[in-house]
Amino acid sequence: MPDDTGTVASAQTRIDYLERLGDELVGRGLRVRLTVPLGTAPSLHVMNPEASALTENILAERGADGWWYWWSWAERISAADDLNMAAERVAQVLAATSTK
């Protein structure tokens, strides 16, 4: 992804990363909705259709060490360039049944 320093470009990069993750999560059976509110960062609302109480809002943010996907509780999910890892972690957290 390009190096963004401007607000508009940075917002578009966030959207691009969130759309990529959304496509991957849809392929894993989850429902997604990209939210782009005025004045705040875009987010990806993800829901398990088998258990609608299992939802999460994912953010994409740039840090000193690159772009990352973040949980709404301010914990990193994975580097944004590791799409498979991010999708796997989100799908695992939103799973209706435990895999243990």
C-alpha atoms as a PDB file:
ATOM      1  CA  MET A   1       0.000   0.000   0.000  1.00  0.00           C
ATOM      2  CA  PRO A   2       1.176   3.559  -0.618  1.00  0.00           C
ATOM      3  CA  ASP A   3       2.710   5.742   2.061  1.00  0.00           C
ATOM      4  CA  ASP A   4      -0.080   8.069   3.211  1.00  0.00           C
ATOM      5  CA  THR A   5       0.449  11.310   5.046  1.00  0.00           C
ATOM      6  CA  GLY A   6      -2.698  13.208   4.065  1.00  0.00           C
ATOM      7  CA  THR A   7      -6.079  12.782   5.723  1.00  0.00           C
ATOM      8  CA  VAL A   8      -8.011  11.993   2.535  1.00  0.00           C
ATOM      9  CA  ALA A   9      -5.413   9.527   1.270  1.00  0.00           C
ATOM     10  CA  SER A  10      -5.142   7.942   4.706  1.00  0.00           C
ATOM     11  CA  ALA A  11      -8.927   7.512   4.898  1.00  0.00           C
ATOM     12  CA  GLN A  12      -8.941   5.879   1.468  1.00  0.00           C
ATOM     13  CA  THR A  13      -6.161   3.499   2.498  1.00  0.00           C
ATOM     14  CA  ARG A  14      -8.164   2.527   5.600  1.00  0.00           C
ATOM     15  CA  ILE A  15     -11.180   1.842   3.393  1.00  0.00           C
ATOM     16  CA  ASP A  16      -9.091  -0.202   0.952  1.00  0.00           C
ATOM     17  CA  TYR A  17      -7.703  -2.385   3.742  1.00  0.00           C
ATOM     18  CA  LEU A  18     -11.136  -2.830   5.342  1.00  0.00           C
ATOM     19  CA  GLU A  19     -12.720  -3.771   2.009  1.00  0.00           C
ATOM     20  CA  ARG A  20     -10.036  -6.402   1.420  1.00  0.00           C
ATOM     21  CA  LEU A  21     -10.632  -7.869   4.870  1.00  0.00           C
ATOM     22  CA  GLY A  22     -14.393  -7.721   4.344  1.00  0.00           C
ATOM     23  CA  ASP A  23     -14.131  -9.699   1.114  1.00  0.00           C
ATOM     24  CA  GLU A  24     -12.061 -12.341   2.889  1.00  0.00           C
ATOM     25  CA  LEU A  25     -14.514 -12.570   5.793  1.00  0.00           C
ATOM     26  CA  VAL A  26     -17.533 -12.886   3.489  1.00  0.00           C
ATOM     27  CA  GLY A  27     -15.746 -15.833   1.906  1.00  0.00           C
ATOM     28  CA  ARG A  28     -15.586 -17.379   5.384  1.00  0.00           C
ATOM     29  CA  GLY A  29     -19.339 -17.029   5.898  1.00  0.00           C
ATOM     30  CA  LEU A  30     -19.439 -13.843   7.954  1.00  0.00           C
ATOM     31  CA  ARG A  31     -21.500 -10.738   7.170  1.00  0.00           C
ATOM     32  CA  VAL A  32     -19.779  -7.392   6.868  1.00  0.00           C
ATOM     33  CA  ARG A  33     -20.740  -3.751   6.512  1.00  0.00           C
ATOM     34  CA  LEU A  34     -18.257  -0.960   5.853  1.00  0.00           C
ATOM     35  CA  THR A  35     -19.114   2.163   7.849  1.00  0.00           C
ATOM     36  CA  VAL A  36     -17.651   5.506   6.791  1.00  0.00           C
ATOM     37  CA  PRO A  37     -19.035   8.146   9.182  1.00  0.00           C
ATOM     38  CA  LEU A  38     -18.172  11.812   8.728  1.00  0.00           C
ATOM     39  CA  GLY A  39     -15.421  12.994  11.027  1.00  0.00           C
ATOM     40  CA  THR A  40     -14.332   9.588  12.340  1.00  0.00           C
ATOM     41  CA  ALA A  41     -12.334   6.659  11.055  1.00  0.00           C
ATOM     42  CA  PRO A  42     -13.994   4.069   8.804  1.00  0.00           C
ATOM     43  CA  SER A  43     -14.676   0.687  10.369  1.00  0.00           C
ATOM     44  CA  LEU A  44     -15.788  -2.756   9.297  1.00  0.00           C
ATOM     45  CA  HIS A  45     -18.771  -4.141  11.206  1.00  0.00           C
ATOM     46  CA  VAL A  46     -18.543  -7.945  11.180  1.00  0.00           C
ATOM     47  CA  MET A  47     -21.306 -10.319  12.294  1.00  0.00           C
ATOM     48  CA  ASN A  48     -21.644 -14.076  12.552  1.00  0.00           C
ATOM     49  CA  PRO A  49     -24.998 -14.807  10.822  1.00  0.00           C
ATOM     50  CA  GLU A  50     -25.406 -17.985  12.899  1.00  0.00           C
ATOM     51  CA  ALA A  51     -25.189 -16.004  16.151  1.00  0.00           C
ATOM     52  CA  SER A  52     -26.043 -12.350  15.574  1.00  0.00           C
ATOM     53  CA  ALA A  53     -24.860 -11.375  19.055  1.00  0.00           C
ATOM     54  CA  LEU A  54     -21.318 -12.181  17.898  1.00  0.00           C
ATOM     55  CA  THR A  55     -20.270  -8.913  16.269  1.00  0.00           C
ATOM     56  CA  GLU A  56     -17.203  -6.729  16.175  1.00  0.00           C
ATOM     57  CA  ASN A  57     -16.012  -3.472  14.650  1.00  0.00           C
ATOM     58  CA  ILE A  58     -12.586  -3.685  13.024  1.00  0.00           C
ATOM     59  CA  LEU A  59     -10.352  -0.688  12.325  1.00  0.00           C
ATOM     60  CA  ALA A  60      -7.347  -0.227  10.053  1.00  0.00           C
ATOM     61  CA  GLU A  61      -4.746   2.178  11.385  1.00  0.00           C
ATOM     62  CA  ARG A  62      -1.222   3.152  10.458  1.00  0.00           C
ATOM     63  CA  GLY A  63       1.458   3.070  13.125  1.00  0.00           C
ATOM     64  CA  ALA A  64       5.186   3.685  13.074  1.00  0.00           C
ATOM     65  CA  ASP A  65       5.643   0.052  12.021  1.00  0.00           C
ATOM     66  CA  GLY A  66       3.059  -0.041   9.204  1.00  0.00           C
ATOM     67  CA  TRP A  67      -0.664  -0.621   8.774  1.00  0.00           C
ATOM     68  CA  TRP A  68      -2.523  -2.879  11.219  1.00  0.00           C
ATOM     69  CA  TYR A  69      -6.018  -4.227  11.772  1.00  0.00           C
ATOM     70  CA  TRP A  70      -7.323  -3.438  15.251  1.00  0.00           C
ATOM     71  CA  TRP A  71     -10.136  -4.702  17.468  1.00  0.00           C
ATOM     72  CA  SER A  72     -12.505  -2.058  18.811  1.00  0.00           C
ATOM     73  CA  TRP A  73     -10.932  -2.516  22.261  1.00  0.00           C
ATOM     74  CA  ALA A  74      -7.592  -1.168  20.907  1.00  0.00           C
ATOM     75  CA  GLU A  75      -5.731  -4.456  20.531  1.00  0.00           C
ATOM     76  CA  ARG A  76      -3.924  -5.375  17.328  1.00  0.00           C
ATOM     77  CA  ILE A  77      -5.294  -8.227  15.244  1.00  0.00           C
ATOM     78  CA  SER A  78      -2.497  -8.520  12.686  1.00  0.00           C
ATOM     79  CA  ALA A  79      -0.497  -6.548  10.177  1.00  0.00           C
ATOM     80  CA  ALA A  80      -2.827  -5.342   7.423  1.00  0.00           C
ATOM     81  CA  ASP A  81      -0.641  -7.013   4.806  1.00  0.00           C
ATOM     82  CA  ASP A  82      -1.279 -10.406   6.459  1.00  0.00           C
ATOM     83  CA  LEU A  83      -4.877 -10.683   5.293  1.00  0.00           C
ATOM     84  CA  ASN A  84      -5.170 -14.413   5.972  1.00  0.00           C
ATOM     85  CA  MET A  85      -4.035 -14.047   9.603  1.00  0.00           C
ATOM     86  CA  ALA A  86      -6.439 -11.158  10.212  1.00  0.00           C
ATOM     87  CA  ALA A  87      -9.389 -13.036   8.715  1.00  0.00           C
ATOM     88  CA  GLU A  88      -8.547 -16.187  10.657  1.00  0.00           C
ATOM     89  CA  ARG A  89      -8.388 -14.331  13.980  1.00  0.00           C
ATOM     90  CA  VAL A  90     -11.632 -12.443  13.381  1.00  0.00           C
ATOM     91  CA  ALA A  91     -13.436 -15.613  12.287  1.00  0.00           C
ATOM     92  CA  GLN A  92     -12.129 -17.457  15.356  1.00  0.00           C
ATOM     93  CA  VAL A  93     -13.282 -14.750  17.778  1.00  0.00           C
ATOM     94  CA  LEU A  94     -16.727 -14.603  16.156  1.00  0.00           C
ATOM     95  CA  ALA A  95     -17.162 -18.382  15.915  1.00  0.00           C
ATOM     96  CA  ALA A  96     -20.483 -19.640  17.287  1.00  0.00           C
ATOM     97  CA  THR A  97     -18.867 -22.710  18.825  1.00  0.00           C
ATOM     98  CA  SER A  98     -15.489 -23.258  20.383  1.00  0.00           C
ATOM     99  CA  THR A  99     -12.919 -25.227  18.396  1.00  0.00           C
ATOM    100  CA  LYS A 100     -11.213 -26.504  21.576  1.00  0.00           C
END
